[in-house]
Protein backbone atom coordinates (compact mmCIF):
# COMPACT_ATOMS: atom_id res chain seq x y z
CA MET A 1 78.78 149.60 260.20
CA PHE A 2 76.56 147.14 262.13
CA MET A 3 79.01 144.30 261.36
CA ALA A 4 81.98 146.31 262.60
CA VAL A 5 80.22 147.22 265.85
CA SER A 6 79.02 143.62 266.31
CA ALA A 7 82.52 142.26 265.81
CA PHE A 8 83.88 144.67 268.42
CA VAL A 9 81.13 143.83 270.93
CA PHE A 10 81.46 140.06 270.52
CA VAL A 11 85.25 140.14 270.85
CA GLY A 12 84.82 142.23 274.00
CA CYS A 13 82.38 139.66 275.45
CA LYS A 14 84.95 136.85 275.45
CA LYS A 15 85.51 135.87 279.07
CA TYR A 16 87.53 132.66 278.73
CA ASP A 17 90.87 132.33 276.91
CA GLU A 18 89.60 129.55 274.63
CA GLY A 19 86.07 130.86 274.19
CA PRO A 20 83.37 130.98 273.30
CA ALA A 21 83.31 134.61 272.22
CA PHE A 22 79.56 134.80 272.84
CA SER A 23 76.89 132.49 274.25
CA ILE A 24 73.19 132.89 274.91
CA ALA A 25 73.29 130.16 277.59
CA SER A 26 74.30 131.26 281.08
CA LYS A 27 77.63 130.14 282.50
CA LYS A 28 75.85 128.09 285.17
CA SER A 29 73.67 126.29 282.62
CA ARG A 30 76.80 125.42 280.61
CA VAL A 31 78.57 123.95 283.66
CA ILE A 32 75.55 121.88 284.73
CA ASN A 33 76.20 118.63 282.92
CA VAL A 34 77.76 115.19 283.18
CA TRP A 35 81.37 115.41 282.00
CA LYS A 36 84.10 112.91 281.18
CA VAL A 37 87.80 113.61 280.74
CA GLU A 38 88.86 113.95 277.12
CA LYS A 39 92.46 115.03 277.69
CA GLU A 40 94.84 115.82 280.55
CA ILE A 41 97.96 117.94 280.18
CA GLU A 42 100.66 118.13 282.84
CA ASN A 43 103.52 120.63 282.53
CA GLY A 44 102.72 121.08 278.83
CA ILE A 45 102.79 117.33 278.07
CA GLU A 46 99.60 115.49 277.16
CA LEU A 47 99.17 112.42 279.35
CA PRO A 48 98.43 109.10 277.64
CA TYR A 49 94.75 108.29 277.23
CA ASP A 50 93.51 105.54 279.54
CA PRO A 51 90.38 103.82 278.15
CA GLY A 52 89.72 102.53 281.68
CA ASN A 53 88.62 106.05 282.59
CA ASP A 54 85.62 105.93 280.24
CA SER A 55 83.35 105.02 283.16
CA SER A 56 84.57 107.98 285.23
CA SER A 57 82.53 111.16 285.24
CA ILE A 58 81.84 114.34 287.13
CA GLU A 59 78.30 115.68 287.30
CA PHE A 60 77.71 119.31 288.20
CA LYS A 61 74.15 119.81 289.41
CA ARG A 62 71.88 122.86 289.45
CA ASP A 63 71.84 122.94 293.30
CA ASN A 64 75.64 123.54 293.27
CA LYS A 65 76.46 119.99 294.26
CA PHE A 66 78.60 117.60 292.26
CA ILE A 67 79.34 113.89 292.14
CA ILE A 68 82.54 112.28 290.88
CA SER A 69 82.09 108.61 290.07
CA GLY A 70 84.03 105.87 288.35
CA SER A 71 86.20 102.88 289.03
CA ILE A 72 89.82 102.42 290.00
CA SER A 73 91.36 98.95 289.76
CA GLY A 74 87.90 97.38 289.63
CA SER A 75 86.60 99.22 292.69
CA ILE A 76 83.71 101.66 292.26
CA ILE A 77 84.37 105.10 293.76
CA SER A 78 82.10 108.05 294.36
CA PHE A 79 82.75 111.44 295.93
CA GLU A 80 80.27 114.23 296.56
CA GLY A 81 80.77 117.89 297.18
CA THR A 82 79.78 121.42 296.28
CA TRP A 83 80.80 123.73 293.48
CA SER A 84 80.61 127.46 292.83
CA PHE A 85 82.04 130.13 290.61
CA GLY A 86 84.67 132.46 291.95
CA ASP A 87 86.41 135.59 290.72
CA LYS A 88 83.82 137.01 288.26
CA LYS A 89 82.87 133.48 287.10
CA GLU A 90 86.39 132.97 285.73
CA THR A 91 87.22 130.21 288.22
CA LEU A 92 85.49 127.04 289.38
CA ILE A 93 85.70 126.17 293.07
CA THR A 94 85.02 122.57 294.07
CA THR A 95 84.96 121.14 297.56
CA ILE A 96 84.74 117.39 298.10
CA THR A 97 82.90 116.74 301.36
CA GLY A 98 85.47 116.48 304.14
CA PHE A 99 88.32 118.00 302.10
CA SER A 100 89.56 121.52 301.41
CA ALA A 101 88.39 123.56 298.43
CA ASP A 102 90.17 123.41 295.07
CA THR A 103 90.08 126.31 292.62
CA ALA A 104 90.67 126.00 288.87
CA VAL A 105 90.74 128.62 286.13
CA ILE A 106 88.10 128.11 283.43
CA ILE A 107 89.73 128.45 280.03
CA ARG A 108 86.85 127.18 277.86
CA LEU A 109 83.17 126.80 278.73
CA LYS A 110 80.77 125.62 276.06
CA SER A 111 77.67 123.45 276.35
CA LYS A 112 79.71 120.39 275.28
CA GLU A 113 83.21 121.37 276.45
CA LEU A 114 84.73 122.44 279.76
CA TRP A 115 88.46 123.13 279.97
CA ILE A 116 90.08 124.05 283.26
CA LYS A 117 93.63 124.54 284.49
CA SER A 118 95.18 124.59 287.93
CA MET A 119 95.86 127.95 289.52
CA ASP A 120 99.61 127.42 289.05
CA GLY A 121 99.02 126.66 285.34
CA LYS A 122 100.83 123.31 285.46
CA ASN A 123 97.82 121.02 284.96
CA GLU A 124 95.02 121.31 282.44
CA THR A 125 91.97 119.07 282.01
CA HIS A 126 89.62 119.03 279.03
CA TYR A 127 86.15 117.61 279.66
CA VAL A 128 83.50 116.73 277.11
CA LYS A 129 79.82 116.12 277.64
CA LYS A 130 79.22 112.47 278.49
């Protein structure tokens, strides 16, 4: 009986489409990390992997700030901004300093994986812990 109740409870705890079903770590502690892009999907088609992006990363910090850094055509870039959860912690809102906010739906949030998709569902990005 315990196993049946546990299975029901854990399935009911699943917040994100791709999981996890249950986590002891808070959602904020799972987001706080340095991430690199593993895969990008646009309109259902996986974009080709570019090894030049290996130096690019996004770091979400505990104070709700983030830094995007990397290089494009040999030039080093860096952007800073703020992040927060929205809509019952089912979305991630990022605002690069000087630009408007961008909201993405969280579809997977684990300590080593973060998957998000655009609000219109056309673009999806899979991040892994760097």
